[in-house]
């Protein structure tokens, strides 16, 4: 039962709000030593390393992992629809978060889909 911590805020709002509203349905993470798998129950937290009293929410909720796909950054860095599913306004904002797609095109990420 893997735990995922979120801490971001984008033009679309804080990630925890987007998750609760059903707008953020995936997250991109560097591959783990013990990978998350389809069917895993995920425990979603907001800024897990920060004291509970310093933030508006701690435990976002449980989610079901519906799919995990290994993708190179260059494969999704210019995709606006992908960026919106990940909580960004568009691909440009995603690039500001992850970095220059020309420099990092070959970096691999696990795209974790959840509901």
Protein backbone atom coordinates (compact mmCIF):
# COMPACT_ATOMS: atom_id res chain seq x y z
CA UNK A 1 0.00 0.00 0.00
CA UNK A 2 2.23 2.80 -1.30
CA UNK A 3 2.16 6.36 -0.03
CA UNK A 4 2.51 9.36 -2.35
CA UNK A 5 3.19 12.85 -1.06
CA UNK A 6 2.19 15.94 -3.04
CA UNK A 7 3.42 19.47 -2.48
CA UNK A 8 2.84 21.41 -5.66
CA UNK A 9 0.77 24.38 -6.62
CA UNK A 10 0.18 25.41 -10.21
CA UNK A 11 -1.89 27.95 -12.09
CA UNK A 12 -4.75 25.45 -11.68
CA UNK A 13 -4.42 25.43 -7.87
CA UNK A 14 -2.87 23.29 -5.17
CA UNK A 15 -2.52 19.63 -6.09
CA UNK A 16 -4.49 18.42 -3.06
CA UNK A 17 -7.53 20.47 -4.12
CA UNK A 18 -7.27 19.21 -7.69
CA UNK A 19 -7.13 15.61 -6.47
CA UNK A 20 -10.21 16.02 -4.26
CA UNK A 21 -12.07 17.71 -7.14
CA UNK A 22 -11.12 14.86 -9.50
CA UNK A 23 -9.12 17.09 -11.87
CA UNK A 24 -5.65 15.66 -11.11
CA UNK A 25 -5.81 11.99 -12.05
CA UNK A 26 -2.15 11.12 -12.50
CA UNK A 27 1.30 11.90 -11.19
CA UNK A 28 4.76 11.53 -12.72
CA UNK A 29 7.44 10.07 -10.49
CA UNK A 30 10.97 8.80 -10.93
CA UNK A 31 10.92 4.99 -10.96
CA UNK A 32 10.91 3.47 -7.46
CA UNK A 33 12.94 0.61 -6.09
CA UNK A 34 9.60 -1.11 -5.40
CA UNK A 35 7.35 0.09 -8.23
CA UNK A 36 3.70 0.97 -7.80
CA UNK A 37 1.49 -1.48 -9.69
CA UNK A 38 -1.97 -1.39 -11.21
CA UNK A 39 -4.49 -2.31 -8.51
CA UNK A 40 -2.43 -0.92 -5.61
CA UNK A 41 -4.27 1.09 -2.99
CA UNK A 42 -2.50 4.46 -2.76
CA UNK A 43 -2.39 6.68 0.29
CA UNK A 44 -2.19 10.30 -0.79
CA UNK A 45 -0.75 12.95 1.52
CA UNK A 46 -0.08 16.67 1.33
CA UNK A 47 3.46 17.78 2.26
CA UNK A 48 4.08 14.69 4.37
CA UNK A 49 7.31 16.04 5.89
CA UNK A 50 5.68 19.21 7.20
CA UNK A 51 3.97 19.44 10.59
CA UNK A 52 0.23 18.84 10.41
CA UNK A 53 -0.49 22.12 12.19
CA UNK A 54 1.29 24.13 9.46
CA UNK A 55 -0.91 23.05 6.55
CA UNK A 56 -4.59 23.03 5.58
CA UNK A 57 -4.77 19.25 5.05
CA UNK A 58 -2.56 16.25 5.80
CA UNK A 59 -4.23 13.09 4.48
CA UNK A 60 -5.81 13.70 1.07
CA UNK A 61 -7.33 10.25 0.85
CA UNK A 62 -7.03 6.78 -0.62
CA UNK A 63 -6.97 6.12 -4.35
CA UNK A 64 -6.79 3.10 -6.60
CA UNK A 65 -3.92 2.86 -9.06
CA UNK A 66 -5.59 2.20 -12.41
CA UNK A 67 -2.45 2.11 -14.58
CA UNK A 68 1.29 2.69 -14.48
CA UNK A 69 3.24 3.46 -17.62
CA UNK A 70 6.96 4.11 -18.01
CA UNK A 71 7.48 7.12 -20.29
CA UNK A 72 10.32 9.34 -21.35
CA UNK A 73 9.94 13.02 -20.53
CA UNK A 74 10.30 13.95 -24.19
CA UNK A 75 7.21 11.83 -24.98
CA UNK A 76 4.88 13.95 -22.84
CA UNK A 77 6.63 17.31 -22.36
CA UNK A 78 4.70 18.99 -25.19
CA UNK A 79 1.29 17.36 -24.58
CA UNK A 80 -1.26 19.83 -23.15
CA UNK A 81 -3.84 17.12 -22.35
CA UNK A 82 -1.23 15.12 -20.45
CA UNK A 83 -0.21 18.26 -18.55
CA UNK A 84 -3.82 18.99 -17.52
CA UNK A 85 -4.33 15.43 -16.21
CA UNK A 86 -1.19 15.97 -14.12
CA UNK A 87 -2.52 19.21 -12.60
CA UNK A 88 -0.87 21.79 -14.84
CA UNK A 89 -2.52 24.48 -16.96
CA UNK A 90 -0.66 23.41 -20.09
CA UNK A 91 2.57 21.80 -21.33
CA UNK A 92 4.52 25.02 -20.81
CA UNK A 93 3.71 25.03 -17.10
CA UNK A 94 4.62 21.32 -16.90
CA UNK A 95 7.98 22.15 -18.48
CA UNK A 96 8.58 24.89 -15.90
CA UNK A 97 8.11 22.23 -13.21
CA UNK A 98 10.09 19.35 -14.78
CA UNK A 99 12.67 21.29 -16.79
CA UNK A 100 13.76 21.83 -20.36
CA UNK A 101 12.47 19.00 -22.57
CA UNK A 102 15.51 19.26 -24.84
CA UNK A 103 17.92 18.66 -21.97
CA UNK A 104 15.86 15.97 -20.22
CA UNK A 105 14.01 14.25 -23.08
CA UNK A 106 15.44 10.81 -22.25
CA UNK A 107 14.67 10.87 -18.50
CA UNK A 108 12.21 8.14 -17.55
CA UNK A 109 9.19 8.59 -15.32
CA UNK A 110 6.47 6.31 -14.05
CA UNK A 111 3.14 7.90 -14.89
CA UNK A 112 0.81 6.72 -12.13
CA UNK A 113 -2.90 6.98 -12.96
CA UNK A 114 -5.35 6.91 -10.07
CA UNK A 115 -8.99 7.44 -9.16
